[in-house]
């Protein structure tokens, strides 16, 4: 893939995420979960970099690890795909391409918001989308959005 193509991908991701993440990583019934020790501000630019493999390590030193539901029908996948301005199939294919190119680590496969929370608890570098309904019951070490 040419550098120009990578730049176009990054630009599309930035525009889509900026539109969908107007408040700290919340939109359309979902939030982006992170570990409390992750000091990253999960603004649109940071999310774009994380989901395209352009950021490899958080300021806290933890390695960036995204978690995804690898199903085109999952609401969380549809949320991320919509935030990226793509169909779920295009989004999952794009992630697969970035992994193949070596730009990002293989995402942790999850099946639900509960799996997302477990992944974040197990690895402080993990971020993933969870349903807003799950936010109220997050354990102490997991939070959403920007660190205050």
Foldseek 3Di string as FASTA:
>chain_A
DDPVVVVVLLVLQLVLQQVAPVDFQDGDQKFKKAFLLQQDFRHSNVVSCLQLLVDQAGPSGFGAAEEDALDQPDPQLCSSQSSSVHRSVVSSVSSVVSVVVVSHPDHHHDHALVRQLVVNVVGRNYMGMHGPVCQVVRDPGMHTGHND
